[in-house]
PDB file of N, CA and C in Angstrom:
ATOM      1  N   MET A   1     -11.055  11.477   2.419  1.00  0.00           N
ATOM      2  CA  MET A   1     -10.921  10.271   3.182  1.00  0.00           C
ATOM      3  C   MET A   1      -9.414   9.878   3.138  1.00  0.00           C
ATOM      4  N   PRO A   2      -8.563  10.285   3.996  1.00  0.00           N
ATOM      5  CA  PRO A   2      -7.111   9.797   3.959  1.00  0.00           C
ATOM      6  C   PRO A   2      -7.063   8.324   4.287  1.00  0.00           C
ATOM      7  N   VAL A   3      -6.159   7.614   3.536  1.00  0.00           N
ATOM      8  CA  VAL A   3      -5.846   6.308   3.830  1.00  0.00           C
ATOM      9  C   VAL A   3      -4.368   6.153   3.982  1.00  0.00           C
ATOM     10  N   ILE A   4      -4.002   5.605   5.100  1.00  0.00           N
ATOM     11  CA  ILE A   4      -2.569   5.535   5.410  1.00  0.00           C
ATOM     12  C   ILE A   4      -2.182   3.989   5.529  1.00  0.00           C
ATOM     13  N   SER A   5      -1.099   3.727   4.680  1.00  0.00           N
ATOM     14  CA  SER A   5      -0.723   2.353   4.676  1.00  0.00           C
ATOM     15  C   SER A   5       0.763   2.197   5.325  1.00  0.00           C
ATOM     16  N   VAL A   6       0.731   1.293   6.220  1.00  0.00           N
ATOM     17  CA  VAL A   6       2.081   1.107   7.074  1.00  0.00           C
ATOM     18  C   VAL A   6       2.567  -0.392   6.808  1.00  0.00           C
ATOM     19  N   ASP A   7       3.777  -0.513   6.552  1.00  0.00           N
ATOM     20  CA  ASP A   7       4.428  -1.799   6.290  1.00  0.00           C
ATOM     21  C   ASP A   7       5.491  -1.760   7.350  1.00  0.00           C
ATOM     22  N   TRP A   8       5.443  -2.784   8.255  1.00  0.00           N
ATOM     23  CA  TRP A   8       6.609  -2.783   9.254  1.00  0.00           C
ATOM     24  C   TRP A   8       6.880  -4.279   9.598  1.00  0.00           C
ATOM     25  N   TRP A   9       8.006  -4.348  10.298  1.00  0.00           N
ATOM     26  CA  TRP A   9       8.404  -5.765  10.656  1.00  0.00           C
ATOM     27  C   TRP A   9       7.412  -6.571  11.342  1.00  0.00           C
ATOM     28  N   LYS A  10       7.283  -7.877  11.084  1.00  0.00           N
ATOM     29  CA  LYS A  10       6.323  -8.627  11.857  1.00  0.00           C
ATOM     30  C   LYS A  10       6.912  -8.698  13.286  1.00  0.00           C
ATOM     31  N   GLY A  11       6.010  -8.844  14.357  1.00  0.00           N
ATOM     32  CA  GLY A  11       6.460  -9.051  15.678  1.00  0.00           C
ATOM     33  C   GLY A  11       6.006  -7.993  16.599  1.00  0.00           C
ATOM     34  N   ASN A  12       5.358  -6.979  16.150  1.00  0.00           N
ATOM     35  CA  ASN A  12       4.665  -5.951  16.963  1.00  0.00           C
ATOM     36  C   ASN A  12       3.378  -6.469  17.548  1.00  0.00           C
ATOM     37  N   ASP A  13       3.240  -6.160  18.772  1.00  0.00           N
ATOM     38  CA  ASP A  13       1.950  -6.745  19.417  1.00  0.00           C
ATOM     39  C   ASP A  13       0.705  -5.821  19.104  1.00  0.00           C
ATOM     40  N   ARG A  14      -0.403  -6.383  19.609  1.00  0.00           N
ATOM     41  CA  ARG A  14      -1.666  -5.580  19.324  1.00  0.00           C
ATOM     42  C   ARG A  14      -1.624  -4.202  19.974  1.00  0.00           C
ATOM     43  N   ALA A  15      -1.050  -4.136  21.135  1.00  0.00           N
ATOM     44  CA  ALA A  15      -1.060  -2.761  21.728  1.00  0.00           C
ATOM     45  C   ALA A  15      -0.250  -1.771  20.912  1.00  0.00           C
ATOM     46  N   GLN A  16       0.958  -2.181  20.387  1.00  0.00           N
ATOM     47  CA  GLN A  16       1.774  -1.423  19.473  1.00  0.00           C
ATOM     48  C   GLN A  16       0.972  -1.009  18.298  1.00  0.00           C
ATOM     49  N   ARG A  17       0.154  -1.941  17.748  1.00  0.00           N
ATOM     50  CA  ARG A  17      -0.600  -1.584  16.503  1.00  0.00           C
ATOM     51  C   ARG A  17      -1.606  -0.509  16.836  1.00  0.00           C
ATOM     52  N   GLN A  18      -2.262  -0.776  17.950  1.00  0.00           N
ATOM     53  CA  GLN A  18      -3.357   0.139  18.431  1.00  0.00           C
ATOM     54  C   GLN A  18      -2.820   1.549  18.556  1.00  0.00           C
ATOM     55  N   GLU A  19      -1.620   1.726  19.258  1.00  0.00           N
ATOM     56  CA  GLU A  19      -0.931   2.846  19.533  1.00  0.00           C
ATOM     57  C   GLU A  19      -0.667   3.620  18.148  1.00  0.00           C
ATOM     58  N   LEU A  20      -0.085   2.802  17.292  1.00  0.00           N
ATOM     59  CA  LEU A  20       0.256   3.346  15.913  1.00  0.00           C
ATOM     60  C   LEU A  20      -0.939   3.922  15.257  1.00  0.00           C
ATOM     61  N   VAL A  21      -2.015   3.110  15.154  1.00  0.00           N
ATOM     62  CA  VAL A  21      -3.275   3.491  14.508  1.00  0.00           C
ATOM     63  C   VAL A  21      -3.795   4.793  15.159  1.00  0.00           C
ATOM     64  N   SER A  22      -3.787   4.824  16.510  1.00  0.00           N
ATOM     65  CA  SER A  22      -4.377   6.009  17.225  1.00  0.00           C
ATOM     66  C   SER A  22      -3.557   7.374  16.954  1.00  0.00           C
ATOM     67  N   GLU A  23      -2.285   7.163  17.104  1.00  0.00           N
ATOM     68  CA  GLU A  23      -1.424   8.363  16.797  1.00  0.00           C
ATOM     69  C   GLU A  23      -1.475   8.778  15.386  1.00  0.00           C
ATOM     70  N   LEU A  24      -1.325   7.848  14.364  1.00  0.00           N
ATOM     71  CA  LEU A  24      -1.462   8.349  12.925  1.00  0.00           C
ATOM     72  C   LEU A  24      -2.836   8.917  12.669  1.00  0.00           C
ATOM     73  N   THR A  25      -3.837   8.373  13.223  1.00  0.00           N
ATOM     74  CA  THR A  25      -5.247   8.897  12.931  1.00  0.00           C
ATOM     75  C   THR A  25      -5.364  10.317  13.504  1.00  0.00           C
ATOM     76  N   ALA A  26      -4.876  10.539  14.786  1.00  0.00           N
ATOM     77  CA  ALA A  26      -4.943  11.879  15.289  1.00  0.00           C
ATOM     78  C   ALA A  26      -4.174  12.892  14.429  1.00  0.00           C
ATOM     79  N   CYS A  27      -2.971  12.530  14.064  1.00  0.00           N
ATOM     80  CA  CYS A  27      -2.030  13.476  13.395  1.00  0.00           C
ATOM     81  C   CYS A  27      -2.669  13.771  12.034  1.00  0.00           C
ATOM     82  N   VAL A  28      -3.096  12.745  11.369  1.00  0.00           N
ATOM     83  CA  VAL A  28      -3.645  12.973   9.881  1.00  0.00           C
ATOM     84  C   VAL A  28      -4.926  13.784  10.066  1.00  0.00           C
ATOM     85  N   SER A  29      -5.825  13.539  11.007  1.00  0.00           N
ATOM     86  CA  SER A  29      -6.970  14.293  11.196  1.00  0.00           C
ATOM     87  C   SER A  29      -6.719  15.786  11.444  1.00  0.00           C
ATOM     88  N   ARG A  30      -5.670  15.963  12.297  1.00  0.00           N
ATOM     89  CA  ARG A  30      -5.378  17.363  12.585  1.00  0.00           C
ATOM     90  C   ARG A  30      -4.820  18.132  11.330  1.00  0.00           C
ATOM     91  N   ILE A  31      -3.888  17.565  10.660  1.00  0.00           N
ATOM     92  CA  ILE A  31      -3.306  18.204   9.549  1.00  0.00           C
ATOM     93  C   ILE A  31      -4.219  18.301   8.357  1.00  0.00           C
ATOM     94  N   ALA A  32      -5.010  17.292   8.118  1.00  0.00           N
ATOM     95  CA  ALA A  32      -5.907  17.268   6.982  1.00  0.00           C
ATOM     96  C   ALA A  32      -7.234  18.125   7.231  1.00  0.00           C
ATOM     97  N   GLY A  33      -7.502  18.352   8.570  1.00  0.00           N
ATOM     98  CA  GLY A  33      -8.707  19.027   8.886  1.00  0.00           C
ATOM     99  C   GLY A  33      -9.852  18.177   8.722  1.00  0.00           C
ATOM    100  N   CYS A  34      -9.677  16.910   8.833  1.00  0.00           N
ATOM    101  CA  CYS A  34     -11.040  15.949   8.788  1.00  0.00           C
ATOM    102  C   CYS A  34     -11.289  15.345  10.054  1.00  0.00           C
ATOM    103  N   PRO A  35     -12.474  14.682  10.148  1.00  0.00           N
ATOM    104  CA  PRO A  35     -12.706  13.976  11.387  1.00  0.00           C
ATOM    105  C   PRO A  35     -11.930  12.719  11.395  1.00  0.00           C
ATOM    106  N   GLU A  36     -11.566  12.270  12.588  1.00  0.00           N
ATOM    107  CA  GLU A  36     -10.827  11.042  12.774  1.00  0.00           C
ATOM    108  C   GLU A  36     -11.545   9.830  12.149  1.00  0.00           C
ATOM    109  N   GLU A  37     -12.890   9.843  12.167  1.00  0.00           N
ATOM    110  CA  GLU A  37     -13.642   8.760  11.547  1.00  0.00           C
ATOM    111  C   GLU A  37     -13.521   8.649  10.109  1.00  0.00           C
ATOM    112  N   ALA A  38     -12.916   9.717   9.435  1.00  0.00           N
ATOM    113  CA  ALA A  38     -12.648   9.527   7.951  1.00  0.00           C
ATOM    114  C   ALA A  38     -11.315   8.947   7.647  1.00  0.00           C
ATOM    115  N   VAL A  39     -10.417   8.802   8.777  1.00  0.00           N
ATOM    116  CA  VAL A  39      -9.012   8.375   8.411  1.00  0.00           C
ATOM    117  C   VAL A  39      -9.115   6.761   8.536  1.00  0.00           C
ATOM    118  N   THR A  40      -8.366   6.229   7.534  1.00  0.00           N
ATOM    119  CA  THR A  40      -8.318   4.692   7.599  1.00  0.00           C
ATOM    120  C   THR A  40      -6.738   4.397   7.709  1.00  0.00           C
ATOM    121  N   VAL A  41      -6.433   3.527   8.505  1.00  0.00           N
ATOM    122  CA  VAL A  41      -5.067   3.033   8.589  1.00  0.00           C
ATOM    123  C   VAL A  41      -4.913   1.585   8.421  1.00  0.00           C
ATOM    124  N   ILE A  42      -4.090   1.111   7.506  1.00  0.00           N
ATOM    125  CA  ILE A  42      -3.983  -0.131   7.098  1.00  0.00           C
ATOM    126  C   ILE A  42      -2.540  -0.565   7.661  1.00  0.00           C
ATOM    127  N   VAL A  43      -2.419  -1.559   8.470  1.00  0.00           N
ATOM    128  CA  VAL A  43      -1.071  -2.032   9.047  1.00  0.00           C
ATOM    129  C   VAL A  43      -0.870  -3.378   8.550  1.00  0.00           C
ATOM    130  N   ARG A  44       0.311  -3.527   7.845  1.00  0.00           N
ATOM    131  CA  ARG A  44       0.740  -4.916   7.389  1.00  0.00           C
ATOM    132  C   ARG A  44       2.011  -5.448   8.082  1.00  0.00           C
ATOM    133  N   ASP A  45       1.987  -6.493   8.624  1.00  0.00           N
ATOM    134  CA  ASP A  45       3.240  -7.081   9.109  1.00  0.00           C
ATOM    135  C   ASP A  45       3.920  -7.797   8.120  1.00  0.00           C
ATOM    136  N   VAL A  46       5.253  -7.572   7.919  1.00  0.00           N
ATOM    137  CA  VAL A  46       6.034  -8.184   6.944  1.00  0.00           C
ATOM    138  C   VAL A  46       7.122  -8.957   7.483  1.00  0.00           C
ATOM    139  N   ASP A  47       7.348 -10.185   7.069  1.00  0.00           N
ATOM    140  CA  ASP A  47       8.456 -10.944   7.651  1.00  0.00           C
ATOM    141  C   ASP A  47       9.766 -10.299   6.958  1.00  0.00           C
ATOM    142  N   PRO A  48      10.830 -10.230   7.718  1.00  0.00           N
ATOM    143  CA  PRO A  48      12.008  -9.495   7.102  1.00  0.00           C
ATOM    144  C   PRO A  48      12.622 -10.352   5.962  1.00  0.00           C
ATOM    145  N   ASP A  49      12.266 -11.644   5.816  1.00  0.00           N
ATOM    146  CA  ASP A  49      12.758 -12.345   4.567  1.00  0.00           C
ATOM    147  C   ASP A  49      11.891 -11.988   3.378  1.00  0.00           C
ATOM    148  N   HIS A  50      10.899 -11.178   3.529  1.00  0.00           N
ATOM    149  CA  HIS A  50      10.060 -10.789   2.516  1.00  0.00           C
ATOM    150  C   HIS A  50      10.197  -9.243   2.201  1.00  0.00           C
ATOM    151  N   TRP A  51      11.264  -8.704   2.526  1.00  0.00           N
ATOM    152  CA  TRP A  51      11.535  -7.340   2.413  1.00  0.00           C
ATOM    153  C   TRP A  51      13.000  -7.192   2.075  1.00  0.00           C
ATOM    154  N   GLY A  52      13.283  -6.351   1.056  1.00  0.00           N
ATOM    155  CA  GLY A  52      14.639  -6.165   0.734  1.00  0.00           C
ATOM    156  C   GLY A  52      15.136  -4.754   0.569  1.00  0.00           C
ATOM    157  N   LYS A  53      16.291  -4.522   0.783  1.00  0.00           N
ATOM    158  CA  LYS A  53      16.835  -3.103   0.736  1.00  0.00           C
ATOM    159  C   LYS A  53      18.273  -3.362   0.005  1.00  0.00           C
ATOM    160  N   GLY A  54      18.519  -2.542  -1.057  1.00  0.00           N
ATOM    161  CA  GLY A  54      19.790  -2.607  -1.762  1.00  0.00           C
ATOM    162  C   GLY A  54      20.154  -3.930  -2.230  1.00  0.00           C
ATOM    163  N   GLY A  55      19.086  -4.750  -2.548  1.00  0.00           N
ATOM    164  CA  GLY A  55      19.454  -6.013  -3.135  1.00  0.00           C
ATOM    165  C   GLY A  55      19.585  -7.097  -2.259  1.00  0.00           C
ATOM    166  N   VAL A  56      19.360  -6.936  -0.858  1.00  0.00           N
ATOM    167  CA  VAL A  56      19.635  -7.788   0.187  1.00  0.00           C
ATOM    168  C   VAL A  56      18.390  -8.002   0.872  1.00  0.00           C
ATOM    169  N   LEU A  57      18.004  -9.243   1.291  1.00  0.00           N
ATOM    170  CA  LEU A  57      16.929  -9.436   2.178  1.00  0.00           C
ATOM    171  C   LEU A  57      17.069  -8.885   3.600  1.00  0.00           C
ATOM    172  N   ALA A  58      16.047  -8.283   4.167  1.00  0.00           N
ATOM    173  CA  ALA A  58      16.361  -7.755   5.440  1.00  0.00           C
ATOM    174  C   ALA A  58      16.620  -8.593   6.526  1.00  0.00           C
ATOM    175  N   ASP A  59      16.212  -9.835   6.461  1.00  0.00           N
ATOM    176  CA  ASP A  59      16.702 -10.852   7.528  1.00  0.00           C
ATOM    177  C   ASP A  59      18.193 -10.872   7.671  1.00  0.00           C
ATOM    178  N   GLU A  60      18.915 -10.838   6.471  1.00  0.00           N
ATOM    179  CA  GLU A  60      20.454 -10.932   6.444  1.00  0.00           C
ATOM    180  C   GLU A  60      20.900  -9.608   7.038  1.00  0.00           C
ATOM    181  N   ILE A  61      20.348  -8.476   6.687  1.00  0.00           N
ATOM    182  CA  ILE A  61      20.801  -7.232   7.226  1.00  0.00           C
ATOM    183  C   ILE A  61      20.613  -7.178   8.753  1.00  0.00           C
ATOM    184  N   LEU A  62      19.508  -7.539   9.228  1.00  0.00           N
ATOM    185  CA  LEU A  62      19.139  -7.613  10.676  1.00  0.00           C
ATOM    186  C   LEU A  62      20.001  -8.499  11.482  1.00  0.00           C
ATOM    187  N   SER A  63      20.344  -9.602  10.906  1.00  0.00           N
ATOM    188  CA  SER A  63      21.183 -10.607  11.596  1.00  0.00           C
ATOM    189  C   SER A  63      22.716 -10.172  11.491  1.00  0.00           C
ATOM    190  N   GLY A  64      23.009  -9.212  10.629  1.00  0.00           N
ATOM    191  CA  GLY A  64      24.471  -8.768  10.584  1.00  0.00           C
ATOM    192  C   GLY A  64      25.258  -9.645   9.474  1.00  0.00           C
ATOM    193  N   ALA A  65      24.516 -10.506   8.750  1.00  0.00           N
ATOM    194  CA  ALA A  65      25.123 -11.365   7.723  1.00  0.00           C
ATOM    195  C   ALA A  65      25.466 -10.545   6.465  1.00  0.00           C
ATOM    196  N   ALA A  66      24.831  -9.467   6.330  1.00  0.00           N
ATOM    197  CA  ALA A  66      25.162  -8.578   5.147  1.00  0.00           C
ATOM    198  C   ALA A  66      25.135  -7.142   5.447  1.00  0.00           C
ATOM    199  N   PRO A  67      26.047  -6.327   4.924  1.00  0.00           N
ATOM    200  CA  PRO A  67      25.938  -5.015   5.300  1.00  0.00           C
ATOM    201  C   PRO A  67      24.799  -4.259   4.692  1.00  0.00           C
ATOM    202  N   ALA A  68      24.314  -3.356   5.427  1.00  0.00           N
ATOM    203  CA  ALA A  68      23.146  -2.630   5.042  1.00  0.00           C
ATOM    204  C   ALA A  68      23.608  -1.670   3.847  1.00  0.00           C
ATOM    205  N   ALA A  69      22.848  -1.591   2.876  1.00  0.00           N
ATOM    206  CA  ALA A  69      23.105  -0.669   1.666  1.00  0.00           C
ATOM    207  C   ALA A  69      22.796   0.592   2.107  1.00  0.00           C
ATOM    208  N   PRO A  70      23.549   1.707   1.681  1.00  0.00           N
ATOM    209  CA  PRO A  70      23.130   3.110   2.083  1.00  0.00           C
ATOM    210  C   PRO A  70      21.913   3.372   1.355  1.00  0.00           C
ATOM    211  N   SER A  71      21.060   4.249   2.099  1.00  0.00           N
ATOM    212  CA  SER A  71      19.873   4.787   1.376  1.00  0.00           C
ATOM    213  C   SER A  71      20.187   6.001   0.739  1.00  0.00           C
ATOM    214  N   PRO A  72      19.366   6.471  -0.248  1.00  0.00           N
ATOM    215  CA  PRO A  72      19.753   7.656  -0.979  1.00  0.00           C
ATOM    216  C   PRO A  72      19.897   8.845  -0.071  1.00  0.00           C
ATOM    217  N   GLN A  73      19.117   8.944   1.026  1.00  0.00           N
ATOM    218  CA  GLN A  73      19.254   9.992   2.087  1.00  0.00           C
ATOM    219  C   GLN A  73      20.719   9.989   2.665  1.00  0.00           C
ATOM    220  N   ASP A  74      21.219   8.673   2.864  1.00  0.00           N
ATOM    221  CA  ASP A  74      22.638   8.607   3.467  1.00  0.00           C
ATOM    222  C   ASP A  74      23.682   9.133   2.515  1.00  0.00           C
ATOM    223  N   THR A  75      23.321   9.090   1.171  1.00  0.00           N
ATOM    224  CA  THR A  75      24.441   9.613   0.236  1.00  0.00           C
ATOM    225  C   THR A  75      24.085  10.822  -0.412  1.00  0.00           C
ATOM    226  N   GLY A  76      23.095  11.532   0.169  1.00  0.00           N
ATOM    227  CA  GLY A  76      22.705  12.913  -0.241  1.00  0.00           C
ATOM    228  C   GLY A  76      21.850  12.862  -1.420  1.00  0.00           C
ATOM    229  N   GLY A  77      21.270  11.773  -1.791  1.00  0.00           N
ATOM    230  CA  GLY A  77      20.258  11.732  -3.030  1.00  0.00           C
ATOM    231  C   GLY A  77      18.876  11.995  -2.553  1.00  0.00           C
ATOM    232  N   GLN A  78      18.046  11.910  -3.451  1.00  0.00           N
ATOM    233  CA  GLN A  78      16.642  12.068  -3.253  1.00  0.00           C
ATOM    234  C   GLN A  78      16.080  10.625  -2.959  1.00  0.00           C
ATOM    235  N   PRO A  79      14.972  10.657  -2.074  1.00  0.00           N
ATOM    236  CA  PRO A  79      14.368   9.362  -1.756  1.00  0.00           C
ATOM    237  C   PRO A  79      13.776   8.677  -3.060  1.00  0.00           C
TER     238      PRO A  79
END
């Protein structure tokens, strides 16, 4: 029974959540070889001021108030 957890920015509408759930379910079902009914998708809407990257809250990064810290992938490291 695959369980997929998605955290994304708050503000996506119901249609976007439905599309995300449908697409992820179909993809995981195909790859895992299980029925779609066995796939669970949990979607959490997160306020940007409750999410940080590189020691900076995301609302500051999104507003341009703070530079985005490079991710490990950006610098050639492992995630």
